[in-house]
Amino acid sequence: MNPNGGLHRFESCQDHKKIKVMKVEDYNFDKNDWAHFHDVILDVTWDDGQIDLNQEEMEKLFWELPEDMRMDAHKWGMNDTPWRDSLWVWYERNKMGKVV
């Protein structure tokens, strides 16, 4: 556990149940994480207008994700390929209305 009470990225997933993460800052994401988040959204919308989100818009969208996806992003990082794939599918289903 880090001194601020949040989980370090690679701590046990079971530990997250003991802590309520209330702010994006509690997840300890860095610019690299947000760059990966941004790139997934840009890629998934490439043919439909290329949505180019700013930091505030990405954070708002992050809170719309299911809790398990947010915790996986925290545990593995947003650069984790399976997590990026999950974000892609989630965005297509929930924001673009596609059935995948």
C-alpha atoms as a PDB file:
ATOM      1  CA  MET A   1       0.000   0.000   0.000  1.00  0.00           C
ATOM      2  CA  ASN A   2       1.296   3.468  -0.736  1.00  0.00           C
ATOM      3  CA  PRO A   3       1.474   6.227   1.933  1.00  0.00           C
ATOM      4  CA  ASN A   4      -1.649   7.936   0.556  1.00  0.00           C
ATOM      5  CA  GLY A   5      -3.793   4.886   1.239  1.00  0.00           C
ATOM      6  CA  GLY A   6      -4.208   3.742  -2.378  1.00  0.00           C
ATOM      7  CA  LEU A   7      -2.956   0.545  -3.879  1.00  0.00           C
ATOM      8  CA  HIS A   8       0.298   0.294  -5.693  1.00  0.00           C
ATOM      9  CA  ARG A   9      -0.297  -0.994  -9.173  1.00  0.00           C
ATOM     10  CA  PHE A  10       0.931  -4.536  -8.528  1.00  0.00           C
ATOM     11  CA  GLU A  11      -0.603  -5.264  -5.111  1.00  0.00           C
ATOM     12  CA  SER A  12      -3.060  -8.073  -4.703  1.00  0.00           C
ATOM     13  CA  CYS A  13      -6.423  -7.458  -6.314  1.00  0.00           C
ATOM     14  CA  GLN A  14      -8.064  -8.680  -3.089  1.00  0.00           C
ATOM     15  CA  ASP A  15      -6.526  -5.728  -1.255  1.00  0.00           C
ATOM     16  CA  HIS A  16      -8.602  -3.283  -3.335  1.00  0.00           C
ATOM     17  CA  LYS A  17     -11.753  -4.448  -1.583  1.00  0.00           C
ATOM     18  CA  LYS A  18     -10.455  -2.903   1.640  1.00  0.00           C
ATOM     19  CA  ILE A  19      -9.994   0.532   0.079  1.00  0.00           C
ATOM     20  CA  LYS A  20     -12.544   2.802  -1.517  1.00  0.00           C
ATOM     21  CA  VAL A  21     -10.909   4.747  -4.323  1.00  0.00           C
ATOM     22  CA  MET A  22     -12.751   8.021  -4.583  1.00  0.00           C
ATOM     23  CA  LYS A  23     -10.680  10.192  -6.933  1.00  0.00           C
ATOM     24  CA  VAL A  24      -8.784   9.551 -10.147  1.00  0.00           C
ATOM     25  CA  GLU A  25      -5.616  10.650  -8.341  1.00  0.00           C
ATOM     26  CA  ASP A  26      -6.030   7.700  -5.942  1.00  0.00           C
ATOM     27  CA  TYR A  27      -5.350   5.333  -8.840  1.00  0.00           C
ATOM     28  CA  ASN A  28      -1.829   6.752  -9.349  1.00  0.00           C
ATOM     29  CA  PHE A  29      -2.056   6.805 -13.153  1.00  0.00           C
ATOM     30  CA  ASP A  30       0.701   8.622 -14.993  1.00  0.00           C
ATOM     31  CA  LYS A  31       0.800  10.359 -18.383  1.00  0.00           C
ATOM     32  CA  ASN A  32       1.678   7.064 -20.063  1.00  0.00           C
ATOM     33  CA  ASP A  33      -1.489   5.419 -18.729  1.00  0.00           C
ATOM     34  CA  TRP A  34      -3.667   8.273 -19.957  1.00  0.00           C
ATOM     35  CA  ALA A  35      -1.909   8.226 -23.344  1.00  0.00           C
ATOM     36  CA  HIS A  36      -2.924   4.584 -23.757  1.00  0.00           C
ATOM     37  CA  PHE A  37      -6.501   5.367 -22.697  1.00  0.00           C
ATOM     38  CA  HIS A  38      -6.599   8.230 -25.207  1.00  0.00           C
ATOM     39  CA  ASP A  39      -5.179   6.080 -28.009  1.00  0.00           C
ATOM     40  CA  VAL A  40      -7.786   3.340 -27.534  1.00  0.00           C
ATOM     41  CA  ILE A  41     -10.640   5.848 -27.807  1.00  0.00           C
ATOM     42  CA  LEU A  42      -9.041   7.541 -30.801  1.00  0.00           C
ATOM     43  CA  ASP A  43      -8.491   4.172 -32.514  1.00  0.00           C
ATOM     44  CA  VAL A  44     -11.981   2.818 -31.833  1.00  0.00           C
ATOM     45  CA  THR A  45     -13.572   5.992 -33.224  1.00  0.00           C
ATOM     46  CA  TRP A  46     -11.158   6.375 -36.158  1.00  0.00           C
ATOM     47  CA  ASP A  47     -13.771   5.607 -38.820  1.00  0.00           C
ATOM     48  CA  ASP A  48     -16.563   7.490 -37.036  1.00  0.00           C
ATOM     49  CA  GLY A  49     -15.048  10.915 -36.510  1.00  0.00           C
ATOM     50  CA  GLN A  50     -11.949  10.346 -34.381  1.00  0.00           C
ATOM     51  CA  ILE A  51     -12.940  11.438 -30.892  1.00  0.00           C
ATOM     52  CA  ASP A  52      -9.935  13.245 -29.426  1.00  0.00           C
ATOM     53  CA  LEU A  53     -10.546  13.491 -25.666  1.00  0.00           C
ATOM     54  CA  ASN A  54      -8.844  15.950 -23.334  1.00  0.00           C
ATOM     55  CA  GLN A  55      -7.766  14.955 -19.796  1.00  0.00           C
ATOM     56  CA  GLU A  56     -11.022  16.014 -18.138  1.00  0.00           C
ATOM     57  CA  GLU A  57     -13.099  14.077 -20.685  1.00  0.00           C
ATOM     58  CA  MET A  58     -10.955  10.963 -20.226  1.00  0.00           C
ATOM     59  CA  GLU A  59     -11.346  11.109 -16.455  1.00  0.00           C
ATOM     60  CA  LYS A  60     -15.113  11.516 -16.775  1.00  0.00           C
ATOM     61  CA  LEU A  61     -15.262   8.532 -19.148  1.00  0.00           C
ATOM     62  CA  PHE A  62     -13.068   6.508 -16.778  1.00  0.00           C
ATOM     63  CA  TRP A  63     -15.726   6.872 -14.048  1.00  0.00           C
ATOM     64  CA  GLU A  64     -18.324   5.454 -16.419  1.00  0.00           C
ATOM     65  CA  LEU A  65     -16.385   2.184 -16.665  1.00  0.00           C
ATOM     66  CA  PRO A  66     -17.525  -0.752 -14.554  1.00  0.00           C
ATOM     67  CA  GLU A  67     -15.683  -0.996 -11.244  1.00  0.00           C
ATOM     68  CA  ASP A  68     -13.895  -4.202 -12.246  1.00  0.00           C
ATOM     69  CA  MET A  69     -12.422  -2.452 -15.303  1.00  0.00           C
ATOM     70  CA  ARG A  70     -11.276   0.492 -13.175  1.00  0.00           C
ATOM     71  CA  MET A  71      -9.630  -1.874 -10.695  1.00  0.00           C
ATOM     72  CA  ASP A  72      -7.939  -3.846 -13.502  1.00  0.00           C
ATOM     73  CA  ALA A  73      -6.598  -0.572 -14.917  1.00  0.00           C
ATOM     74  CA  HIS A  74      -5.249   0.218 -11.488  1.00  0.00           C
ATOM     75  CA  LYS A  75      -3.753  -3.220 -10.977  1.00  0.00           C
ATOM     76  CA  TRP A  76      -2.235  -3.801 -14.421  1.00  0.00           C
ATOM     77  CA  GLY A  77      -2.039  -0.313 -15.915  1.00  0.00           C
ATOM     78  CA  MET A  78      -3.845   1.127 -18.897  1.00  0.00           C
ATOM     79  CA  ASN A  79      -1.072  -0.108 -21.164  1.00  0.00           C
ATOM     80  CA  ASP A  80      -2.042  -3.730 -20.450  1.00  0.00           C
ATOM     81  CA  THR A  81      -3.178  -5.253 -23.749  1.00  0.00           C
ATOM     82  CA  PRO A  82      -6.153  -7.210 -22.335  1.00  0.00           C
ATOM     83  CA  TRP A  83      -7.301  -4.080 -20.489  1.00  0.00           C
ATOM     84  CA  ARG A  84      -7.017  -1.984 -23.639  1.00  0.00           C
ATOM     85  CA  ASP A  85      -9.033  -4.620 -25.525  1.00  0.00           C
ATOM     86  CA  SER A  86     -11.711  -4.505 -22.813  1.00  0.00           C
ATOM     87  CA  LEU A  87     -11.859  -0.710 -23.049  1.00  0.00           C
ATOM     88  CA  TRP A  88     -12.248  -0.968 -26.828  1.00  0.00           C
ATOM     89  CA  VAL A  89     -15.155  -3.431 -26.539  1.00  0.00           C
ATOM     90  CA  TRP A  90     -16.777  -1.477 -23.695  1.00  0.00           C
ATOM     91  CA  TYR A  91     -16.625   1.759 -25.697  1.00  0.00           C
ATOM     92  CA  GLU A  92     -18.053   0.138 -28.827  1.00  0.00           C
ATOM     93  CA  ARG A  93     -20.957  -1.375 -26.890  1.00  0.00           C
ATOM     94  CA  ASN A  94     -21.736   1.481 -24.522  1.00  0.00           C
ATOM     95  CA  LYS A  95     -20.880   4.599 -26.492  1.00  0.00           C
ATOM     96  CA  MET A  96     -21.244   3.575 -30.115  1.00  0.00           C
ATOM     97  CA  GLY A  97     -24.115   1.105 -29.772  1.00  0.00           C
ATOM     98  CA  LYS A  98     -22.252  -1.629 -31.607  1.00  0.00           C
ATOM     99  CA  VAL A  99     -22.786  -5.298 -30.891  1.00  0.00           C
ATOM    100  CA  VAL A 100     -19.436  -7.050 -30.737  1.00  0.00           C
END
